[in-house]
Amino acid sequence: PFLKGDGTMTIREAIETTDTLKPNAFQTKEKIKWLSELDSRIKKEILDTHTGTPEFDGYDETADMSITLLTPEPYSDVYIKYLIAQMDFYLAEFARYNNDMVMFNTAYDEFARWYHRTHKPLQTKLTNVV
C-alpha cells in the first residue's frame, strides 16, 4: 500500500530541481506552499478515495526539507511541472503557463490513473432506495 514516506522526491529535491531547470527569484517558502497545495489536492482528489490513506497536514516554511512528497516515482515529476507552472502564472507568462499546465495535467492524470488501478477503492455503503 501507499503510505506516507513512500514517495521518492523530497521537498528539497523538488525545489532544487525546479530551480536548476528554471532559475528564479521566488522564495523557498512560496515553493513549499505550492508543494503543500498540490499534495493537499492529491490527497483529497486521489488518495482519500482509497483505503490506506496517508496522513497529511501540509507543509510550511518550517517543514523539514527532507520530507518525502506523496507522489512516488515515476510520477514525481508532477511537482516540478506544478512549480514551474506556478512561477509562470505569477510572472504573467500566460502562454508558458498554459503549456506548463497541459504538461502538469498530463502528469497528474497519469498518476491518478495508476493509483486508481493499483489501490483498493473505499467501499461505499449501499442503501435500499424505495
Protein backbone atom coordinates (compact mmCIF):
# COMPACT_ATOMS: atom_id res chain seq x y z
CA PRO A 1 0.00 0.00 0.00
CA PHE A 2 0.92 3.62 -0.48
CA LEU A 3 1.84 5.14 2.86
CA LYS A 4 3.38 8.42 3.98
CA GLY A 5 7.02 8.36 3.04
CA ASP A 6 6.56 6.05 0.03
CA GLY A 7 7.16 8.92 -2.36
CA THR A 8 10.70 9.26 -3.55
CA MET A 9 11.11 13.00 -4.06
CA THR A 10 11.72 15.27 -1.09
CA ILE A 11 10.69 18.90 -0.72
CA ARG A 12 14.35 19.86 -1.13
CA GLU A 13 14.77 17.80 -4.31
CA ALA A 14 11.62 19.24 -5.88
CA ILE A 15 12.74 22.80 -5.20
CA GLU A 16 16.38 22.27 -6.20
CA THR A 17 15.42 20.51 -9.44
CA THR A 18 12.95 23.25 -10.31
CA ASP A 19 15.50 25.97 -9.55
CA THR A 20 18.06 24.23 -11.76
CA LEU A 21 15.63 23.87 -14.65
CA LYS A 22 14.12 27.34 -14.25
CA PRO A 23 16.29 29.79 -12.31
CA ASN A 24 14.01 32.20 -10.48
CA ALA A 25 13.70 34.74 -7.68
CA PHE A 26 10.78 33.10 -5.84
CA GLN A 27 11.37 32.38 -2.18
CA THR A 28 11.63 28.84 -0.89
CA LYS A 29 8.65 29.41 1.42
CA GLU A 30 6.44 30.14 -1.64
CA LYS A 31 7.55 26.94 -3.34
CA ILE A 32 6.90 24.95 -0.15
CA LYS A 33 3.40 26.49 -0.01
CA TRP A 34 2.75 25.42 -3.63
CA LEU A 35 4.01 21.89 -2.90
CA SER A 36 1.68 21.74 0.09
CA GLU A 37 -1.26 22.89 -2.03
CA LEU A 38 -0.51 20.21 -4.61
CA ASP A 39 -0.13 17.40 -2.06
CA SER A 40 -3.37 18.56 -0.41
CA ARG A 41 -5.10 18.28 -3.78
CA ILE A 42 -3.54 14.85 -4.47
CA LYS A 43 -4.66 13.59 -1.06
CA LYS A 44 -8.21 14.90 -1.42
CA GLU A 45 -8.85 14.01 -5.07
CA ILE A 46 -6.91 10.74 -5.39
CA LEU A 47 -5.65 9.19 -2.17
CA ASP A 48 -8.72 9.76 0.02
CA THR A 49 -10.86 7.72 -2.37
CA HIS A 50 -8.92 4.57 -1.48
CA THR A 51 -8.07 2.54 1.60
CA GLY A 52 -4.78 3.17 3.39
CA THR A 53 -4.82 6.93 3.00
CA PRO A 54 -1.66 8.52 4.40
CA GLU A 55 -1.73 11.27 6.99
CA PHE A 56 -1.04 14.72 5.60
CA ASP A 57 -1.14 18.02 7.45
CA GLY A 58 0.53 20.22 4.86
CA TYR A 59 3.93 21.89 4.75
CA ASP A 60 5.06 25.36 5.73
CA GLU A 61 8.38 27.22 5.79
CA THR A 62 9.36 25.35 8.97
CA ALA A 63 8.89 21.94 7.30
CA ASP A 64 11.79 19.52 7.26
CA MET A 65 13.15 19.77 3.70
CA SER A 66 13.81 16.02 3.69
CA ILE A 67 10.10 15.19 3.99
CA THR A 68 9.07 12.89 1.19
CA LEU A 69 6.26 14.16 -1.03
CA LEU A 70 3.20 11.97 -1.59
CA THR A 71 3.59 11.01 -5.25
CA PRO A 72 6.10 8.19 -5.96
CA GLU A 73 8.38 7.66 -8.94
CA PRO A 74 7.92 7.64 -11.83
CA TYR A 75 5.18 10.21 -11.25
CA SER A 76 7.04 12.68 -9.03
CA ASP A 77 7.81 15.00 -11.96
CA VAL A 78 4.29 16.30 -11.31
CA TYR A 79 5.87 18.53 -8.62
CA ILE A 80 8.42 20.08 -10.96
CA LYS A 81 5.78 20.76 -13.58
CA TYR A 82 3.48 22.33 -10.99
CA LEU A 83 6.16 24.59 -9.53
CA ILE A 84 7.19 25.80 -12.98
CA ALA A 85 3.55 26.47 -13.87
CA GLN A 86 3.01 28.46 -10.67
CA MET A 87 6.08 30.58 -11.36
CA ASP A 88 4.98 31.34 -14.92
CA PHE A 89 1.50 32.23 -13.69
CA TYR A 90 2.81 34.72 -11.12
CA LEU A 91 5.23 36.18 -13.69
CA ALA A 92 2.22 36.75 -16.01
CA GLU A 93 3.79 34.45 -18.61
CA PHE A 94 0.37 33.12 -19.54
CA ALA A 95 1.31 31.38 -22.81
CA ARG A 96 4.03 29.47 -20.93
CA TYR A 97 1.66 28.87 -18.03
CA ASN A 98 -0.91 27.31 -20.37
CA ASN A 99 1.73 24.99 -21.84
CA ASP A 100 3.02 24.18 -18.34
CA MET A 101 -0.48 23.28 -17.20
CA VAL A 102 -1.00 20.92 -20.13
CA MET A 103 2.16 19.07 -19.11
CA PHE A 104 1.21 19.17 -15.42
CA ASN A 105 -2.33 17.91 -16.07
CA THR A 106 -0.98 15.05 -18.18
CA ALA A 107 1.43 14.01 -15.40
CA TYR A 108 -1.28 14.40 -12.74
CA ASP A 109 -3.75 12.29 -14.75
CA GLU A 110 -1.14 9.57 -15.35
CA PHE A 111 -0.53 9.32 -11.60
CA ALA A 112 -4.27 9.30 -10.85
CA ARG A 113 -4.94 6.52 -13.36
CA TRP A 114 -2.06 4.42 -11.99
CA TYR A 115 -3.20 4.95 -8.40
CA HIS A 116 -6.81 4.03 -9.17
CA ARG A 117 -5.65 0.85 -10.97
CA THR A 118 -3.30 -0.30 -8.22
CA HIS A 119 -5.10 0.61 -4.96
CA LYS A 120 -8.28 -0.68 -3.41
CA PRO A 121 -11.09 1.90 -3.51
CA LEU A 122 -13.12 2.72 -0.44
CA GLN A 123 -16.30 0.71 -0.23
CA THR A 124 -19.42 2.80 -0.21
CA LYS A 125 -22.39 1.71 1.82
CA LEU A 126 -25.31 0.89 -0.40
CA THR A 127 -28.77 1.73 0.84
CA ASN A 128 -32.08 0.47 -0.42
CA VAL A 129 -33.99 3.08 -2.32
CA VAL A 130 -37.73 2.74 -2.02
